[in-house]
Amino acid sequence: MNRIRLTRRFTFEAAHALTHYDGLCRHIHGHSYKLEVTVIGIPLTHSEHPKDGMVLDFGDLKNLVHTHVLQPLDHALLLREDSSAALLTVLQQEGHKLLLTRFQPTCENMLLYIKDQLLPHLPEPVDLHSLKLWETENAFAEWYAADNA
């Protein structure tokens, strides 16, 4: 059995603020995120199949991530749902793209959100191997399926 890992990198822009945080990130600010999605599987071995030799078509992976991750996150402001009601009201009235979360929108929690958005949509027998989310040029968080088995 020859399992192969495929990785595709994505970029998106998003802003967040960390509620009750004791540093600068308590203020609304944005990042140019880089996301690496790695899947693992066995290449298809059906010579007549259009996807012969592929674990997953890179285009299919791109579409999955775009639909289930990038559309909700790109150019959105992520805030905890228990953020200031006055702030949320103003932002919603002004038509800003908000993603209200039950979690603190840290890089780590965003990775878990991304994992939860992708897992139900990966085709069999492809598995999610890992995710890496770069918040800045020098800082990232990683999630590995093997660490969570």
N, C-alpha and C. Protein backbone atom coordinates (compact mmCIF):
# COMPACT_ATOMS: atom_id res chain seq x y z
N MET A 1 0.85 -1.18 0.00
CA MET A 1 0.00 0.00 0.00
C MET A 1 0.90 1.24 0.00
N ASN A 2 0.68 2.12 -0.93
CA ASN A 2 1.45 3.36 -1.05
C ASN A 2 0.57 4.56 -0.78
N ARG A 3 0.60 5.02 0.46
CA ARG A 3 -0.18 6.21 0.81
C ARG A 3 0.62 7.45 0.45
N ILE A 4 -0.05 8.39 -0.15
CA ILE A 4 0.57 9.62 -0.62
C ILE A 4 -0.12 10.80 0.04
N ARG A 5 0.67 11.79 0.41
CA ARG A 5 0.13 13.04 0.97
C ARG A 5 0.13 14.11 -0.11
N LEU A 6 -0.96 14.84 -0.20
CA LEU A 6 -1.08 15.99 -1.09
C LEU A 6 -1.30 17.23 -0.25
N THR A 7 -0.63 18.30 -0.61
CA THR A 7 -0.79 19.56 0.11
C THR A 7 -1.11 20.67 -0.87
N ARG A 8 -2.05 21.50 -0.48
CA ARG A 8 -2.39 22.69 -1.28
C ARG A 8 -2.39 23.87 -0.34
N ARG A 9 -1.81 24.98 -0.77
CA ARG A 9 -1.75 26.20 0.03
C ARG A 9 -2.81 27.19 -0.45
N PHE A 10 -3.41 27.86 0.50
CA PHE A 10 -4.45 28.86 0.23
C PHE A 10 -4.11 30.12 1.00
N THR A 11 -4.63 31.23 0.55
CA THR A 11 -4.47 32.49 1.28
C THR A 11 -5.84 33.14 1.43
N PHE A 12 -6.00 33.84 2.52
CA PHE A 12 -7.23 34.61 2.73
C PHE A 12 -6.94 35.73 3.71
N GLU A 13 -7.80 36.71 3.68
CA GLU A 13 -7.72 37.86 4.57
C GLU A 13 -8.86 37.77 5.58
N ALA A 14 -8.54 38.01 6.83
CA ALA A 14 -9.58 38.01 7.86
C ALA A 14 -9.11 38.86 9.03
N ALA A 15 -10.08 39.29 9.82
CA ALA A 15 -9.79 40.07 11.02
C ALA A 15 -10.41 39.37 12.22
N HIS A 16 -9.89 39.68 13.38
CA HIS A 16 -10.45 39.12 14.60
C HIS A 16 -10.09 40.03 15.77
N ALA A 17 -10.68 39.74 16.90
CA ALA A 17 -10.32 40.37 18.17
C ALA A 17 -10.50 39.29 19.23
N LEU A 18 -9.63 39.30 20.22
CA LEU A 18 -9.68 38.28 21.27
C LEU A 18 -10.30 38.87 22.52
N THR A 19 -11.51 38.42 22.80
CA THR A 19 -12.28 38.92 23.94
C THR A 19 -11.56 38.60 25.25
N HIS A 20 -11.46 39.59 26.11
CA HIS A 20 -10.85 39.48 27.45
C HIS A 20 -9.35 39.21 27.42
N TYR A 21 -8.73 39.27 26.25
CA TYR A 21 -7.29 39.04 26.15
C TYR A 21 -6.56 40.23 26.77
N ASP A 22 -5.39 39.98 27.36
CA ASP A 22 -4.67 41.04 28.06
C ASP A 22 -3.55 41.67 27.23
N GLY A 23 -3.58 41.47 25.94
CA GLY A 23 -2.57 42.06 25.07
C GLY A 23 -3.20 42.81 23.92
N LEU A 24 -2.36 43.18 22.95
CA LEU A 24 -2.83 43.99 21.82
C LEU A 24 -3.90 43.31 20.98
N CYS A 25 -3.91 41.99 20.96
CA CYS A 25 -4.88 41.27 20.11
C CYS A 25 -6.32 41.36 20.61
N ARG A 26 -6.53 42.08 21.70
CA ARG A 26 -7.91 42.32 22.14
C ARG A 26 -8.59 43.34 21.21
N HIS A 27 -7.78 44.09 20.46
CA HIS A 27 -8.29 45.06 19.50
C HIS A 27 -8.56 44.38 18.16
N ILE A 28 -9.55 44.86 17.44
CA ILE A 28 -9.83 44.33 16.11
C ILE A 28 -8.63 44.62 15.22
N HIS A 29 -8.14 43.56 14.58
CA HIS A 29 -6.99 43.67 13.67
C HIS A 29 -7.06 42.54 12.66
N GLY A 30 -6.34 42.67 11.58
CA GLY A 30 -6.43 41.69 10.52
C GLY A 30 -5.11 41.00 10.22
N HIS A 31 -5.23 39.90 9.48
CA HIS A 31 -4.08 39.11 9.06
C HIS A 31 -4.27 38.68 7.62
N SER A 32 -3.15 38.46 6.96
CA SER A 32 -3.12 37.77 5.67
C SER A 32 -2.73 36.34 5.98
N TYR A 33 -3.73 35.47 6.11
CA TYR A 33 -3.50 34.09 6.51
C TYR A 33 -3.03 33.24 5.34
N LYS A 34 -2.20 32.26 5.66
CA LYS A 34 -1.86 31.20 4.72
C LYS A 34 -2.31 29.90 5.36
N LEU A 35 -3.00 29.09 4.59
CA LEU A 35 -3.51 27.81 5.07
C LEU A 35 -2.94 26.70 4.19
N GLU A 36 -2.36 25.69 4.83
CA GLU A 36 -1.90 24.51 4.12
C GLU A 36 -2.80 23.34 4.54
N VAL A 37 -3.40 22.70 3.55
CA VAL A 37 -4.27 21.55 3.79
C VAL A 37 -3.58 20.33 3.18
N THR A 38 -3.34 19.33 4.00
CA THR A 38 -2.70 18.10 3.53
C THR A 38 -3.66 16.93 3.73
N VAL A 39 -3.91 16.22 2.66
CA VAL A 39 -4.73 15.02 2.70
C VAL A 39 -3.83 13.82 2.40
N ILE A 40 -4.31 12.64 2.75
CA ILE A 40 -3.54 11.42 2.52
C ILE A 40 -4.46 10.33 2.00
N GLY A 41 -3.94 9.52 1.10
CA GLY A 41 -4.72 8.42 0.55
C GLY A 41 -3.89 7.61 -0.43
N ILE A 42 -4.53 6.66 -1.03
CA ILE A 42 -3.90 5.78 -2.00
C ILE A 42 -4.34 6.21 -3.40
N PRO A 43 -3.40 6.41 -4.31
CA PRO A 43 -3.78 6.81 -5.66
C PRO A 43 -4.72 5.78 -6.30
N LEU A 44 -5.69 6.30 -7.03
CA LEU A 44 -6.64 5.46 -7.76
C LEU A 44 -5.89 4.67 -8.83
N THR A 45 -6.24 3.42 -9.00
CA THR A 45 -5.57 2.57 -9.99
C THR A 45 -6.60 1.94 -10.92
N HIS A 46 -7.29 2.78 -11.63
CA HIS A 46 -8.25 2.35 -12.64
C HIS A 46 -7.88 3.07 -13.93
N SER A 47 -7.23 2.36 -14.85
CA SER A 47 -6.66 2.99 -16.03
C SER A 47 -7.68 3.73 -16.89
N GLU A 48 -8.94 3.34 -16.83
CA GLU A 48 -9.96 3.99 -17.64
C GLU A 48 -10.61 5.18 -16.92
N HIS A 49 -10.33 5.35 -15.64
CA HIS A 49 -10.93 6.42 -14.84
C HIS A 49 -10.18 7.73 -15.11
N PRO A 50 -10.90 8.85 -15.25
CA PRO A 50 -10.23 10.12 -15.54
C PRO A 50 -9.31 10.59 -14.40
N LYS A 51 -9.48 10.07 -13.20
CA LYS A 51 -8.64 10.47 -12.07
C LYS A 51 -7.61 9.39 -11.74
N ASP A 52 -7.32 8.51 -12.69
CA ASP A 52 -6.34 7.44 -12.49
C ASP A 52 -5.01 8.03 -12.02
N GLY A 53 -4.44 7.43 -10.98
CA GLY A 53 -3.15 7.87 -10.46
C GLY A 53 -3.24 8.98 -9.43
N MET A 54 -4.44 9.45 -9.14
CA MET A 54 -4.60 10.56 -8.20
C MET A 54 -5.17 10.09 -6.86
N VAL A 55 -4.67 10.68 -5.78
CA VAL A 55 -5.29 10.52 -4.47
C VAL A 55 -6.55 11.37 -4.45
N LEU A 56 -6.41 12.61 -4.90
CA LEU A 56 -7.51 13.57 -5.01
C LEU A 56 -7.06 14.63 -6.00
N ASP A 57 -7.91 14.96 -6.90
CA ASP A 57 -7.60 16.00 -7.88
C ASP A 57 -7.35 17.31 -7.13
N PHE A 58 -6.23 17.99 -7.41
CA PHE A 58 -5.94 19.26 -6.74
C PHE A 58 -7.08 20.25 -6.94
N GLY A 59 -7.73 20.21 -8.08
CA GLY A 59 -8.86 21.10 -8.33
C GLY A 59 -10.04 20.79 -7.43
N ASP A 60 -10.26 19.50 -7.16
CA ASP A 60 -11.34 19.13 -6.23
C ASP A 60 -11.03 19.59 -4.82
N LEU A 61 -9.76 19.45 -4.41
CA LEU A 61 -9.36 19.93 -3.09
C LEU A 61 -9.54 21.44 -3.00
N LYS A 62 -9.14 22.14 -4.04
CA LYS A 62 -9.31 23.60 -4.08
C LYS A 62 -10.77 23.99 -3.93
N ASN A 63 -11.66 23.30 -4.65
CA ASN A 63 -13.09 23.60 -4.57
C ASN A 63 -13.66 23.32 -3.18
N LEU A 64 -13.24 22.21 -2.56
CA LEU A 64 -13.72 21.88 -1.21
C LEU A 64 -13.32 22.96 -0.21
N VAL A 65 -12.06 23.36 -0.25
CA VAL A 65 -11.58 24.36 0.69
C VAL A 65 -12.23 25.71 0.42
N HIS A 66 -12.35 26.05 -0.84
CA HIS A 66 -12.98 27.33 -1.18
C HIS A 66 -14.42 27.40 -0.66
N THR A 67 -15.18 26.34 -0.92
CA THR A 67 -16.59 26.32 -0.54
C THR A 67 -16.80 26.29 0.97
N HIS A 68 -16.06 25.43 1.66
CA HIS A 68 -16.36 25.16 3.07
C HIS A 68 -15.50 25.95 4.06
N VAL A 69 -14.42 26.55 3.58
CA VAL A 69 -13.54 27.29 4.49
C VAL A 69 -13.39 28.75 4.05
N LEU A 70 -12.97 28.96 2.82
CA LEU A 70 -12.63 30.31 2.39
C LEU A 70 -13.86 31.21 2.25
N GLN A 71 -14.94 30.69 1.71
CA GLN A 71 -16.11 31.55 1.55
C GLN A 71 -16.57 32.13 2.89
N PRO A 72 -16.66 31.33 3.96
CA PRO A 72 -17.08 31.93 5.23
C PRO A 72 -16.00 32.83 5.88
N LEU A 73 -14.70 32.52 5.67
CA LEU A 73 -13.64 33.23 6.39
C LEU A 73 -13.07 34.44 5.66
N ASP A 74 -12.97 34.37 4.34
CA ASP A 74 -12.25 35.42 3.62
C ASP A 74 -12.95 36.77 3.76
N HIS A 75 -12.18 37.77 4.17
CA HIS A 75 -12.66 39.13 4.39
C HIS A 75 -13.78 39.21 5.43
N ALA A 76 -13.72 38.29 6.39
CA ALA A 76 -14.69 38.31 7.49
C ALA A 76 -14.01 38.82 8.76
N LEU A 77 -14.83 39.26 9.68
CA LEU A 77 -14.39 39.63 11.01
C LEU A 77 -14.89 38.53 11.95
N LEU A 78 -13.97 37.84 12.60
CA LEU A 78 -14.32 36.77 13.53
C LEU A 78 -14.36 37.33 14.94
N LEU A 79 -15.50 37.18 15.56
CA LEU A 79 -15.67 37.61 16.94
C LEU A 79 -16.44 36.55 17.71
N ARG A 80 -16.15 36.46 19.00
CA ARG A 80 -16.95 35.55 19.83
C ARG A 80 -18.38 36.05 19.87
N GLU A 81 -19.30 35.12 19.91
CA GLU A 81 -20.72 35.50 19.90
C GLU A 81 -21.12 36.27 21.15
N ASP A 82 -20.31 36.20 22.21
CA ASP A 82 -20.62 36.95 23.42
C ASP A 82 -19.87 38.29 23.47
N SER A 83 -19.42 38.77 22.31
CA SER A 83 -18.79 40.09 22.23
C SER A 83 -19.83 41.16 22.54
N SER A 84 -19.36 42.36 22.71
CA SER A 84 -20.22 43.50 23.03
C SER A 84 -21.42 43.56 22.08
N ALA A 85 -22.61 43.53 22.65
CA ALA A 85 -23.84 43.58 21.85
C ALA A 85 -23.90 44.88 21.04
N ALA A 86 -23.46 45.97 21.62
CA ALA A 86 -23.48 47.26 20.92
C ALA A 86 -22.56 47.20 19.70
N LEU A 87 -21.38 46.63 19.86
CA LEU A 87 -20.44 46.49 18.74
C LEU A 87 -21.03 45.62 17.64
N LEU A 88 -21.57 44.48 18.02
CA LEU A 88 -22.16 43.57 17.03
C LEU A 88 -23.30 44.22 16.28
N THR A 89 -24.12 44.97 16.98
CA THR A 89 -25.25 45.65 16.35
C THR A 89 -24.77 46.64 15.29
N VAL A 90 -23.79 47.45 15.64
CA VAL A 90 -23.27 48.45 14.70
C VAL A 90 -22.65 47.75 13.49
N LEU A 91 -21.85 46.74 13.72
CA LEU A 91 -21.20 46.04 12.60
C LEU A 91 -22.24 45.39 11.68
N GLN A 92 -23.26 44.79 12.26
CA GLN A 92 -24.30 44.16 11.45
C GLN A 92 -25.11 45.20 10.69
N GLN A 93 -25.43 46.32 11.34
CA GLN A 93 -26.19 47.38 10.67
C GLN A 93 -25.41 47.98 9.50
N GLU A 94 -24.10 48.01 9.62
CA GLU A 94 -23.25 48.55 8.56
C GLU A 94 -22.94 47.52 7.48
N GLY A 95 -23.45 46.29 7.65
CA GLY A 95 -23.31 45.27 6.62
C GLY A 95 -21.96 44.58 6.57
N HIS A 96 -21.21 44.60 7.66
CA HIS A 96 -19.92 43.93 7.68
C HIS A 96 -20.09 42.41 7.71
N LYS A 97 -19.15 41.71 7.10
CA LYS A 97 -19.17 40.25 7.07
C LYS A 97 -18.62 39.75 8.40
N LEU A 98 -19.50 39.22 9.23
CA LEU A 98 -19.14 38.72 10.55
C LEU A 98 -19.26 37.21 10.60
N LEU A 99 -18.33 36.60 11.29
CA LEU A 99 -18.44 35.19 11.63
C LEU A 99 -18.39 35.13 13.15
N LEU A 100 -19.55 34.95 13.76
CA LEU A 100 -19.64 34.89 15.21
C LEU A 100 -19.41 33.46 15.65
N THR A 101 -18.50 33.28 16.60
CA THR A 101 -18.09 31.96 17.01
C THR A 101 -18.38 31.73 18.49
N ARG A 102 -18.49 30.47 18.84
CA ARG A 102 -18.61 30.11 20.26
C ARG A 102 -17.24 30.06 20.92
N PHE A 103 -16.20 30.13 20.11
CA PHE A 103 -14.83 30.00 20.60
C PHE A 103 -14.07 31.31 20.43
N GLN A 104 -13.00 31.44 21.20
CA GLN A 104 -12.09 32.56 21.04
C GLN A 104 -11.39 32.38 19.68
N PRO A 105 -11.45 33.36 18.78
CA PRO A 105 -10.93 33.16 17.42
C PRO A 105 -9.40 33.28 17.33
N THR A 106 -8.73 32.42 18.07
CA THR A 106 -7.27 32.32 17.99
C THR A 106 -6.90 31.49 16.77
N CYS A 107 -5.65 31.53 16.42
CA CYS A 107 -5.15 30.72 15.31
C CYS A 107 -5.43 29.23 15.58
N GLU A 108 -5.23 28.81 16.82
CA GLU A 108 -5.44 27.41 17.19
C GLU A 108 -6.90 27.00 17.01
N ASN A 109 -7.81 27.82 17.52
CA ASN A 109 -9.23 27.50 17.40
C ASN A 109 -9.73 27.61 15.97
N MET A 110 -9.14 28.52 15.20
CA MET A 110 -9.52 28.60 13.79
C MET A 110 -9.14 27.31 13.06
N LEU A 111 -8.00 26.72 13.42
CA LEU A 111 -7.61 25.43 12.83
C LEU A 111 -8.65 24.35 13.12
N LEU A 112 -9.12 24.31 14.36
CA LEU A 112 -10.14 23.31 14.71
C LEU A 112 -11.44 23.56 13.95
N TYR A 113 -11.80 24.82 13.77
CA TYR A 113 -12.97 25.18 12.98
C TYR A 113 -12.79 24.69 11.53
N ILE A 114 -11.63 24.96 10.96
CA ILE A 114 -11.35 24.56 9.57
C ILE A 114 -11.43 23.04 9.44
N LYS A 115 -10.84 22.33 10.38
CA LYS A 115 -10.91 20.86 10.37
C LYS A 115 -12.36 20.39 10.36
N ASP A 116 -13.17 20.97 11.23
CA ASP A 116 -14.58 20.57 11.32
C ASP A 116 -15.35 20.90 10.05
N GLN A 117 -14.95 21.94 9.34
CA GLN A 117 -15.63 22.29 8.08
C GLN A 117 -15.24 21.33 6.96
N LEU A 118 -14.01 20.83 6.98
CA LEU A 118 -13.52 19.98 5.89
C LEU A 118 -13.86 18.50 6.04
N LEU A 119 -13.74 17.97 7.24
CA LEU A 119 -13.86 16.52 7.43
C LEU A 119 -15.12 15.90 6.82
N PRO A 120 -16.29 16.49 6.98
CA PRO A 120 -17.49 15.84 6.43
C PRO A 120 -17.54 15.84 4.90
N HIS A 121 -16.68 16.60 4.25
CA HIS A 121 -16.78 16.77 2.80
C HIS A 121 -15.67 16.10 2.01
N LEU A 122 -14.72 15.47 2.70
CA LEU A 122 -13.66 14.77 1.99
C LEU A 122 -14.20 13.45 1.44
N PRO A 123 -13.90 13.15 0.18
CA PRO A 123 -14.41 11.90 -0.39
C PRO A 123 -13.67 10.68 0.17
N GLU A 124 -14.36 9.57 0.26
CA GLU A 124 -13.72 8.31 0.65
C GLU A 124 -12.80 7.89 -0.47
N PRO A 125 -11.67 7.33 -0.23
CA PRO A 125 -11.03 7.00 1.05
C PRO A 125 -9.97 8.02 1.44
N VAL A 126 -10.14 9.28 1.08
CA VAL A 126 -9.16 10.32 1.40
C VAL A 126 -9.36 10.76 2.85
N ASP A 127 -8.24 10.93 3.56
CA ASP A 127 -8.28 11.38 4.95
C ASP A 127 -7.57 12.72 5.08
N LEU A 128 -8.00 13.50 6.05
CA LEU A 128 -7.31 14.73 6.36
C LEU A 128 -6.08 14.38 7.18
N HIS A 129 -4.91 14.72 6.69
CA HIS A 129 -3.66 14.41 7.38
C HIS A 129 -3.25 15.53 8.33
N SER A 130 -3.24 16.77 7.82
CA SER A 130 -2.79 17.88 8.65
C SER A 130 -3.25 19.21 8.09
N LEU A 131 -3.21 20.20 8.96
CA LEU A 131 -3.52 21.59 8.61
C LEU A 131 -2.44 22.46 9.23
N LYS A 132 -2.07 23.49 8.51
CA LYS A 132 -1.14 24.49 9.05
C LYS A 132 -1.71 25.86 8.70
N LEU A 133 -1.88 26.69 9.71
CA LEU A 133 -2.42 28.03 9.51
C LEU A 133 -1.40 29.06 9.96
N TRP A 134 -0.89 29.82 8.97
CA TRP A 134 0.06 30.89 9.23
C TRP A 134 -0.73 32.16 9.52
N GLU A 135 -0.57 32.71 10.72
CA GLU A 135 -1.25 33.96 11.07
C GLU A 135 -0.39 35.16 10.66
N THR A 136 0.90 35.00 10.77
CA THR A 136 1.84 36.01 10.32
C THR A 136 2.96 35.30 9.58
N GLU A 137 3.90 36.05 9.08
CA GLU A 137 5.03 35.46 8.36
C GLU A 137 5.87 34.56 9.27
N ASN A 138 5.81 34.80 10.59
CA ASN A 138 6.66 34.08 11.53
C ASN A 138 5.91 33.22 12.54
N ALA A 139 4.60 33.14 12.44
CA ALA A 139 3.84 32.42 13.46
C ALA A 139 2.73 31.60 12.83
N PHE A 140 2.66 30.32 13.22
CA PHE A 140 1.62 29.43 12.70
C PHE A 140 1.24 28.41 13.75
N ALA A 141 0.11 27.77 13.51
CA ALA A 141 -0.35 26.65 14.33
C ALA A 141 -0.57 25.46 13.40
N GLU A 142 -0.43 24.25 13.94
CA GLU A 142 -0.59 23.04 13.15
C GLU A 142 -1.54 22.07 13.85
N TRP A 143 -2.27 21.32 13.04
CA TRP A 143 -3.12 20.23 13.53
C TRP A 143 -2.76 19.00 12.72
N TYR A 144 -2.53 17.88 13.42
CA TYR A 144 -2.23 16.60 12.78
C TYR A 144 -3.25 15.56 13.23
N ALA A 145 -3.80 14.82 12.29
CA ALA A 145 -4.74 13.76 12.63
C ALA A 145 -4.08 12.73 13.56
N ALA A 146 -2.82 12.41 13.29
CA ALA A 146 -2.12 11.40 14.10
C ALA A 146 -2.01 11.80 15.56
N ASP A 147 -1.96 13.10 15.84
CA ASP A 147 -1.90 13.57 17.22
C ASP A 147 -3.24 13.46 17.93
N ASN A 148 -4.29 13.23 17.17
CA ASN A 148 -5.65 13.25 17.72
C ASN A 148 -6.37 11.93 17.52
N ALA A 149 -5.63 10.87 17.26
CA ALA A 149 -6.25 9.55 17.00
C ALA A 149 -6.70 8.90 18.30
